[in-house]
Amino acid sequence: MRHALIGLVAVLALASAAPAEAGNPPGWPIRPSQPAAKPAKKPAKKPARPAKPAAKKVRCSATGIPVWPIVPLKAPPKVRAMHQSILSAAADCDYARLERLAVAGRPKFDFTFGDAKRPGAFWRGLEAKGDPFLRRMIQIMKLDYRRDGKVYVWPAAFARSATDEDWEKLIPLFGEKEMVVFRDYGGYTGIRLAIHEDGDWLYCIEGD
């Protein structure tokens, strides 16, 4: 009996030492078939573009000059639209926009008695020399107009049909002495401009 037990223990020891291939599932021991995936890299952030410096606001003699309210115009819509466009561009010191308005219509736009070619550059030059041209133009355009045929003229004193009342409206701008000079000379020679009934800006000129 004792010999039988010793034999049984020996058999069990051999069985435990042998590889247990039969009892293991296929593929044992488990090994990863592919290397572990590396964590995805975050895309590098592009350096932020430096903010563009704010455009420097152009200043001129018309800066801060109110254009509202203006004298109500009993004129065709196209005349009122052009009148307002000129006022707005002048108040913004926008010489380029003023020039576009000036040359958008008929081939000839009168703005000087000299040899300058471009109205915007001409007016910019006057302002650079200290002449508050745009401010004076706005002041004139805020006055009443007169109609000469199909043309609307500012100030009314420049029109052929001007009245004494039209001349008196210029006194706050020029003074009584200057009015006498104009009348003695034979007419108004300050800034004057005209808009055709079709909305075309015809001229903006000063002098004689």
C-alpha atoms as a PDB file:
ATOM      1  CA  MET A   1       0.000   0.000   0.000  1.00  0.00           C
ATOM      2  CA  ARG A   2       2.800   2.373   0.878  1.00  0.00           C
ATOM      3  CA  HIS A   3       4.572   1.636  -2.407  1.00  0.00           C
ATOM      4  CA  ALA A   4       1.378   2.324  -4.338  1.00  0.00           C
ATOM      5  CA  LEU A   5       0.956   5.753  -2.799  1.00  0.00           C
ATOM      6  CA  ILE A   6       4.555   6.679  -3.555  1.00  0.00           C
ATOM      7  CA  GLY A   7       4.041   5.673  -7.161  1.00  0.00           C
ATOM      8  CA  LEU A   8       0.874   7.757  -7.449  1.00  0.00           C
ATOM      9  CA  VAL A   9       2.613  10.838  -6.048  1.00  0.00           C
ATOM     10  CA  ALA A  10       5.432  10.407  -8.562  1.00  0.00           C
ATOM     11  CA  VAL A  11       2.988  10.171 -11.457  1.00  0.00           C
ATOM     12  CA  LEU A  12       1.147  13.332 -10.370  1.00  0.00           C
ATOM     13  CA  ALA A  13       4.436  15.246 -10.032  1.00  0.00           C
ATOM     14  CA  LEU A  14       5.477  14.321 -13.559  1.00  0.00           C
ATOM     15  CA  ALA A  15       2.075  15.374 -14.895  1.00  0.00           C
ATOM     16  CA  SER A  16       2.296  18.821 -13.267  1.00  0.00           C
ATOM     17  CA  ALA A  17       5.824  19.408 -14.602  1.00  0.00           C
ATOM     18  CA  ALA A  18       4.888  18.620 -18.228  1.00  0.00           C
ATOM     19  CA  PRO A  19       3.624  21.480 -20.453  1.00  0.00           C
ATOM     20  CA  ALA A  20      -0.154  21.641 -20.390  1.00  0.00           C
ATOM     21  CA  GLU A  21      -0.534  22.245 -24.101  1.00  0.00           C
ATOM     22  CA  ALA A  22      -3.605  20.146 -24.450  1.00  0.00           C
ATOM     23  CA  GLY A  23      -5.571  22.092 -21.897  1.00  0.00           C
ATOM     24  CA  ASN A  24      -4.557  25.601 -22.991  1.00  0.00           C
ATOM     25  CA  PRO A  25      -6.625  27.529 -25.525  1.00  0.00           C
ATOM     26  CA  PRO A  26      -5.134  28.240 -28.976  1.00  0.00           C
ATOM     27  CA  GLY A  27      -2.713  31.137 -29.036  1.00  0.00           C
ATOM     28  CA  TRP A  28      -1.752  30.810 -25.446  1.00  0.00           C
ATOM     29  CA  PRO A  29       0.100  32.720 -24.050  1.00  0.00           C
ATOM     30  CA  ILE A  30      -1.635  35.799 -25.474  1.00  0.00           C
ATOM     31  CA  ARG A  31       0.742  38.302 -27.091  1.00  0.00           C
ATOM     32  CA  PRO A  32      -0.234  41.535 -28.832  1.00  0.00           C
ATOM     33  CA  SER A  33      -0.193  41.065 -32.596  1.00  0.00           C
ATOM     34  CA  GLN A  34       0.623  44.788 -33.194  1.00  0.00           C
ATOM     35  CA  PRO A  35       2.566  47.294 -31.164  1.00  0.00           C
ATOM     36  CA  ALA A  36       0.394  49.550 -29.029  1.00  0.00           C
ATOM     37  CA  ALA A  37      -0.782  52.652 -30.967  1.00  0.00           C
ATOM     38  CA  LYS A  38       0.967  55.835 -30.027  1.00  0.00           C
ATOM     39  CA  PRO A  39      -1.269  58.710 -28.946  1.00  0.00           C
ATOM     40  CA  ALA A  40      -2.029  61.050 -31.845  1.00  0.00           C
ATOM     41  CA  LYS A  41      -0.049  64.234 -31.842  1.00  0.00           C
ATOM     42  CA  LYS A  42      -2.015  67.445 -31.610  1.00  0.00           C
ATOM     43  CA  PRO A  43      -1.525  69.671 -34.633  1.00  0.00           C
ATOM     44  CA  ALA A  44       0.882  72.438 -33.907  1.00  0.00           C
ATOM     45  CA  LYS A  45      -0.858  75.755 -33.517  1.00  0.00           C
ATOM     46  CA  LYS A  46       0.006  78.321 -36.137  1.00  0.00           C
ATOM     47  CA  PRO A  47       1.392  81.494 -34.685  1.00  0.00           C
ATOM     48  CA  ALA A  48      -1.280  84.155 -34.530  1.00  0.00           C
ATOM     49  CA  ARG A  49      -0.972  86.827 -37.156  1.00  0.00           C
ATOM     50  CA  PRO A  50      -0.187  90.214 -35.741  1.00  0.00           C
ATOM     51  CA  ALA A  51      -3.218  92.462 -35.755  1.00  0.00           C
ATOM     52  CA  LYS A  52      -3.232  95.060 -38.479  1.00  0.00           C
ATOM     53  CA  PRO A  53      -2.786  98.546 -37.131  1.00  0.00           C
ATOM     54  CA  ALA A  54      -5.963 100.559 -37.253  1.00  0.00           C
ATOM     55  CA  ALA A  55      -6.127 102.798 -40.278  1.00  0.00           C
ATOM     56  CA  LYS A  56      -5.286 106.328 -39.401  1.00  0.00           C
ATOM     57  CA  LYS A  57      -8.330 108.478 -39.783  1.00  0.00           C
ATOM     58  CA  VAL A  58      -7.837 111.261 -42.271  1.00  0.00           C
ATOM     59  CA  ARG A  59      -8.457 114.712 -40.909  1.00  0.00           C
ATOM     60  CA  CYS A  60      -9.148 117.932 -42.760  1.00  0.00           C
ATOM     61  CA  SER A  61     -10.883 121.252 -42.237  1.00  0.00           C
ATOM     62  CA  ALA A  62     -14.269 119.485 -42.477  1.00  0.00           C
ATOM     63  CA  THR A  63     -13.556 117.122 -39.571  1.00  0.00           C
ATOM     64  CA  GLY A  64     -16.293 117.529 -36.982  1.00  0.00           C
ATOM     65  CA  ILE A  65     -18.352 119.894 -39.131  1.00  0.00           C
ATOM     66  CA  PRO A  66     -21.994 118.794 -38.832  1.00  0.00           C
ATOM     67  CA  VAL A  67     -23.828 118.233 -42.079  1.00  0.00           C
ATOM     68  CA  TRP A  68     -27.162 117.398 -40.425  1.00  0.00           C
ATOM     69  CA  PRO A  69     -29.677 118.803 -40.516  1.00  0.00           C
ATOM     70  CA  ILE A  70     -29.306 120.397 -43.906  1.00  0.00           C
ATOM     71  CA  VAL A  71     -31.642 122.710 -45.734  1.00  0.00           C
ATOM     72  CA  PRO A  72     -34.459 120.530 -47.088  1.00  0.00           C
ATOM     73  CA  LEU A  73     -34.192 120.259 -50.836  1.00  0.00           C
ATOM     74  CA  LYS A  74     -37.289 120.522 -52.966  1.00  0.00           C
ATOM     75  CA  ALA A  75     -35.373 118.966 -55.822  1.00  0.00           C
ATOM     76  CA  PRO A  76     -35.529 115.738 -57.839  1.00  0.00           C
ATOM     77  CA  PRO A  77     -34.339 112.583 -56.011  1.00  0.00           C
ATOM     78  CA  LYS A  78     -31.169 112.356 -58.123  1.00  0.00           C
ATOM     79  CA  VAL A  79     -30.182 115.896 -57.184  1.00  0.00           C
ATOM     80  CA  ARG A  80     -30.814 115.241 -53.492  1.00  0.00           C
ATOM     81  CA  ALA A  81     -28.828 111.996 -53.644  1.00  0.00           C
ATOM     82  CA  MET A  82     -25.800 113.650 -55.244  1.00  0.00           C
ATOM     83  CA  HIS A  83     -26.003 116.601 -52.863  1.00  0.00           C
ATOM     84  CA  GLN A  84     -25.946 114.243 -49.886  1.00  0.00           C
ATOM     85  CA  SER A  85     -23.117 112.146 -51.364  1.00  0.00           C
ATOM     86  CA  ILE A  86     -20.926 115.227 -51.801  1.00  0.00           C
ATOM     87  CA  LEU A  87     -21.630 116.410 -48.267  1.00  0.00           C
ATOM     88  CA  SER A  88     -20.840 112.997 -46.782  1.00  0.00           C
ATOM     89  CA  ALA A  89     -17.588 112.586 -48.726  1.00  0.00           C
ATOM     90  CA  ALA A  90     -16.432 116.073 -47.785  1.00  0.00           C
ATOM     91  CA  ALA A  91     -17.247 115.524 -44.103  1.00  0.00           C
ATOM     92  CA  ASP A  92     -15.194 112.290 -44.231  1.00  0.00           C
ATOM     93  CA  CYS A  93     -12.246 114.113 -45.874  1.00  0.00           C
ATOM     94  CA  ASP A  94     -12.523 111.490 -48.613  1.00  0.00           C
ATOM     95  CA  TYR A  95     -10.821 113.127 -51.602  1.00  0.00           C
ATOM     96  CA  ALA A  96     -10.919 109.933 -53.671  1.00  0.00           C
ATOM     97  CA  ARG A  97     -14.693 109.602 -53.275  1.00  0.00           C
ATOM     98  CA  LEU A  98     -15.197 113.272 -54.067  1.00  0.00           C
ATOM     99  CA  GLU A  99     -13.208 112.817 -57.251  1.00  0.00           C
ATOM    100  CA  ARG A 100     -15.237 109.765 -58.274  1.00  0.00           C
ATOM    101  CA  LEU A 101     -18.433 111.756 -57.796  1.00  0.00           C
ATOM    102  CA  ALA A 102     -16.984 114.642 -59.805  1.00  0.00           C
ATOM    103  CA  VAL A 103     -15.895 112.653 -62.853  1.00  0.00           C
ATOM    104  CA  ALA A 104     -18.678 110.069 -62.903  1.00  0.00           C
ATOM    105  CA  GLY A 105     -20.902 112.004 -65.300  1.00  0.00           C
ATOM    106  CA  ARG A 106     -20.144 114.327 -68.153  1.00  0.00           C
ATOM    107  CA  PRO A 107     -16.582 114.431 -69.531  1.00  0.00           C
ATOM    108  CA  LYS A 108     -15.917 117.964 -68.297  1.00  0.00           C
ATOM    109  CA  PHE A 109     -15.936 118.878 -64.612  1.00  0.00           C
ATOM    110  CA  ASP A 110     -14.797 122.400 -63.746  1.00  0.00           C
ATOM    111  CA  PHE A 111     -12.847 122.722 -60.499  1.00  0.00           C
ATOM    112  CA  THR A 112     -10.037 125.180 -61.226  1.00  0.00           C
ATOM    113  CA  PHE A 113      -8.970 127.909 -63.618  1.00  0.00           C
ATOM    114  CA  GLY A 114      -5.438 126.529 -63.536  1.00  0.00           C
ATOM    115  CA  ASP A 115      -3.931 123.462 -65.184  1.00  0.00           C
ATOM    116  CA  ALA A 116      -4.609 120.853 -62.457  1.00  0.00           C
ATOM    117  CA  LYS A 117      -5.823 117.538 -63.839  1.00  0.00           C
ATOM    118  CA  ARG A 118      -7.476 115.826 -60.883  1.00  0.00           C
ATOM    119  CA  PRO A 119      -9.998 117.525 -58.585  1.00  0.00           C
ATOM    120  CA  GLY A 120      -9.286 115.264 -55.603  1.00  0.00           C
ATOM    121  CA  ALA A 121      -5.554 115.996 -55.669  1.00  0.00           C
ATOM    122  CA  PHE A 122      -6.260 119.684 -56.216  1.00  0.00           C
ATOM    123  CA  TRP A 123      -8.538 119.957 -53.174  1.00  0.00           C
ATOM    124  CA  ARG A 124      -6.124 117.926 -51.073  1.00  0.00           C
ATOM    125  CA  GLY A 125      -3.393 120.368 -52.048  1.00  0.00           C
ATOM    126  CA  LEU A 126      -5.480 123.354 -50.982  1.00  0.00           C
ATOM    127  CA  GLU A 127      -6.134 121.763 -47.595  1.00  0.00           C
ATOM    128  CA  ALA A 128      -2.445 120.948 -47.166  1.00  0.00           C
ATOM    129  CA  LYS A 129      -1.625 124.624 -47.721  1.00  0.00           C
ATOM    130  CA  GLY A 130      -4.020 125.669 -44.973  1.00  0.00           C
ATOM    131  CA  ASP A 131      -7.052 126.547 -47.109  1.00  0.00           C
ATOM    132  CA  PRO A 132     -10.143 125.065 -45.366  1.00  0.00           C
ATOM    133  CA  PHE A 133     -11.740 124.367 -48.718  1.00  0.00           C
ATOM    134  CA  LEU A 134     -13.859 121.357 -47.709  1.00  0.00           C
ATOM    135  CA  ARG A 135     -15.241 123.123 -44.668  1.00  0.00           C
ATOM    136  CA  ARG A 136     -16.176 126.151 -46.761  1.00  0.00           C
ATOM    137  CA  MET A 137     -17.744 123.908 -49.405  1.00  0.00           C
ATOM    138  CA  ILE A 138     -19.952 122.236 -46.803  1.00  0.00           C
ATOM    139  CA  GLN A 139     -21.014 125.609 -45.453  1.00  0.00           C
ATOM    140  CA  ILE A 140     -22.044 126.714 -48.927  1.00  0.00           C
ATOM    141  CA  MET A 141     -23.925 123.483 -49.621  1.00  0.00           C
ATOM    142  CA  LYS A 142     -25.962 123.863 -46.445  1.00  0.00           C
ATOM    143  CA  LEU A 143     -27.430 127.101 -47.773  1.00  0.00           C
ATOM    144  CA  ASP A 144     -30.415 127.388 -50.070  1.00  0.00           C
ATOM    145  CA  TYR A 145     -30.002 126.782 -53.784  1.00  0.00           C
ATOM    146  CA  ARG A 146     -31.413 128.416 -56.876  1.00  0.00           C
ATOM    147  CA  ARG A 147     -32.529 126.700 -60.038  1.00  0.00           C
ATOM    148  CA  ASP A 148     -31.234 127.880 -63.383  1.00  0.00           C
ATOM    149  CA  GLY A 149     -33.098 125.860 -65.974  1.00  0.00           C
ATOM    150  CA  LYS A 150     -32.133 122.219 -65.436  1.00  0.00           C
ATOM    151  CA  VAL A 151     -29.279 123.090 -63.082  1.00  0.00           C
ATOM    152  CA  TYR A 152     -29.397 123.487 -59.285  1.00  0.00           C
ATOM    153  CA  VAL A 153     -26.857 126.042 -58.042  1.00  0.00           C
ATOM    154  CA  TRP A 154     -25.266 126.636 -54.621  1.00  0.00           C
ATOM    155  CA  PRO A 155     -25.214 129.234 -53.177  1.00  0.00           C
ATOM    156  CA  ALA A 156     -28.385 130.846 -54.482  1.00  0.00           C
ATOM    157  CA  ALA A 157     -26.531 134.185 -54.792  1.00  0.00           C
ATOM    158  CA  PHE A 158     -24.565 132.781 -57.743  1.00  0.00           C
ATOM    159  CA  ALA A 159     -27.645 132.042 -59.827  1.00  0.00           C
ATOM    160  CA  ARG A 160     -28.841 134.456 -62.486  1.00  0.00           C
ATOM    161  CA  SER A 161     -32.142 134.693 -60.617  1.00  0.00           C
ATOM    162  CA  ALA A 162     -30.500 135.593 -57.269  1.00  0.00           C
ATOM    163  CA  THR A 163     -32.375 137.996 -55.002  1.00  0.00           C
ATOM    164  CA  ASP A 164     -31.212 140.419 -52.313  1.00  0.00           C
ATOM    165  CA  GLU A 165     -32.348 137.861 -49.744  1.00  0.00           C
ATOM    166  CA  ASP A 166     -30.028 135.285 -51.304  1.00  0.00           C
ATOM    167  CA  TRP A 167     -27.106 137.671 -50.877  1.00  0.00           C
ATOM    168  CA  GLU A 168     -28.012 138.382 -47.266  1.00  0.00           C
ATOM    169  CA  LYS A 169     -27.752 134.666 -46.471  1.00  0.00           C
ATOM    170  CA  LEU A 170     -24.021 134.866 -47.260  1.00  0.00           C
ATOM    171  CA  ILE A 171     -23.309 137.554 -44.668  1.00  0.00           C
ATOM    172  CA  PRO A 172     -22.827 135.078 -41.759  1.00  0.00           C
ATOM    173  CA  LEU A 173     -20.130 133.340 -43.803  1.00  0.00           C
ATOM    174  CA  PHE A 174     -18.338 136.271 -45.402  1.00  0.00           C
ATOM    175  CA  GLY A 175     -19.327 139.407 -43.525  1.00  0.00           C
ATOM    176  CA  GLU A 176     -20.954 142.530 -44.861  1.00  0.00           C
ATOM    177  CA  LYS A 177     -17.723 144.050 -46.219  1.00  0.00           C
ATOM    178  CA  GLU A 178     -17.034 141.021 -48.367  1.00  0.00           C
ATOM    179  CA  MET A 179     -20.593 141.126 -49.656  1.00  0.00           C
ATOM    180  CA  VAL A 180     -19.999 144.709 -50.785  1.00  0.00           C
ATOM    181  CA  VAL A 181     -16.844 143.559 -52.584  1.00  0.00           C
ATOM    182  CA  PHE A 182     -18.774 140.824 -54.387  1.00  0.00           C
ATOM    183  CA  ARG A 183     -21.590 143.139 -55.388  1.00  0.00           C
ATOM    184  CA  ASP A 184     -19.226 145.856 -56.583  1.00  0.00           C
ATOM    185  CA  TYR A 185     -17.276 143.282 -58.574  1.00  0.00           C
ATOM    186  CA  GLY A 186     -20.439 142.215 -60.297  1.00  0.00           C
ATOM    187  CA  GLY A 187     -21.132 138.831 -58.799  1.00  0.00           C
ATOM    188  CA  TYR A 188     -20.282 136.135 -56.330  1.00  0.00           C
ATOM    189  CA  THR A 189     -16.850 134.576 -56.917  1.00  0.00           C
ATOM    190  CA  GLY A 190     -16.558 132.324 -53.865  1.00  0.00           C
ATOM    191  CA  ILE A 191     -17.049 128.575 -53.875  1.00  0.00           C
ATOM    192  CA  ARG A 192     -20.013 127.602 -55.989  1.00  0.00           C
ATOM    193  CA  LEU A 193     -21.197 124.308 -57.347  1.00  0.00           C
ATOM    194  CA  ALA A 194     -23.988 122.938 -59.474  1.00  0.00           C
ATOM    195  CA  ILE A 195     -25.836 119.661 -59.929  1.00  0.00           C
ATOM    196  CA  HIS A 196     -27.816 118.846 -63.058  1.00  0.00           C
ATOM    197  CA  GLU A 197     -31.351 117.587 -62.627  1.00  0.00           C
ATOM    198  CA  ASP A 198     -30.166 114.171 -63.823  1.00  0.00           C
ATOM    199  CA  GLY A 199     -27.862 113.949 -60.769  1.00  0.00           C
ATOM    200  CA  ASP A 200     -24.585 114.848 -62.490  1.00  0.00           C
ATOM    201  CA  TRP A 201     -22.215 117.070 -60.495  1.00  0.00           C
ATOM    202  CA  LEU A 202     -21.207 119.738 -63.005  1.00  0.00           C
ATOM    203  CA  TYR A 203     -18.680 121.923 -61.220  1.00  0.00           C
ATOM    204  CA  CYS A 204     -17.229 123.074 -57.909  1.00  0.00           C
ATOM    205  CA  ILE A 205     -14.997 126.060 -58.407  1.00  0.00           C
ATOM    206  CA  GLU A 206     -13.830 129.288 -56.834  1.00  0.00           C
ATOM    207  CA  GLY A 207     -12.449 132.525 -58.266  1.00  0.00           C
ATOM    208  CA  ASP A 208     -12.980 134.196 -61.616  1.00  0.00           C
END
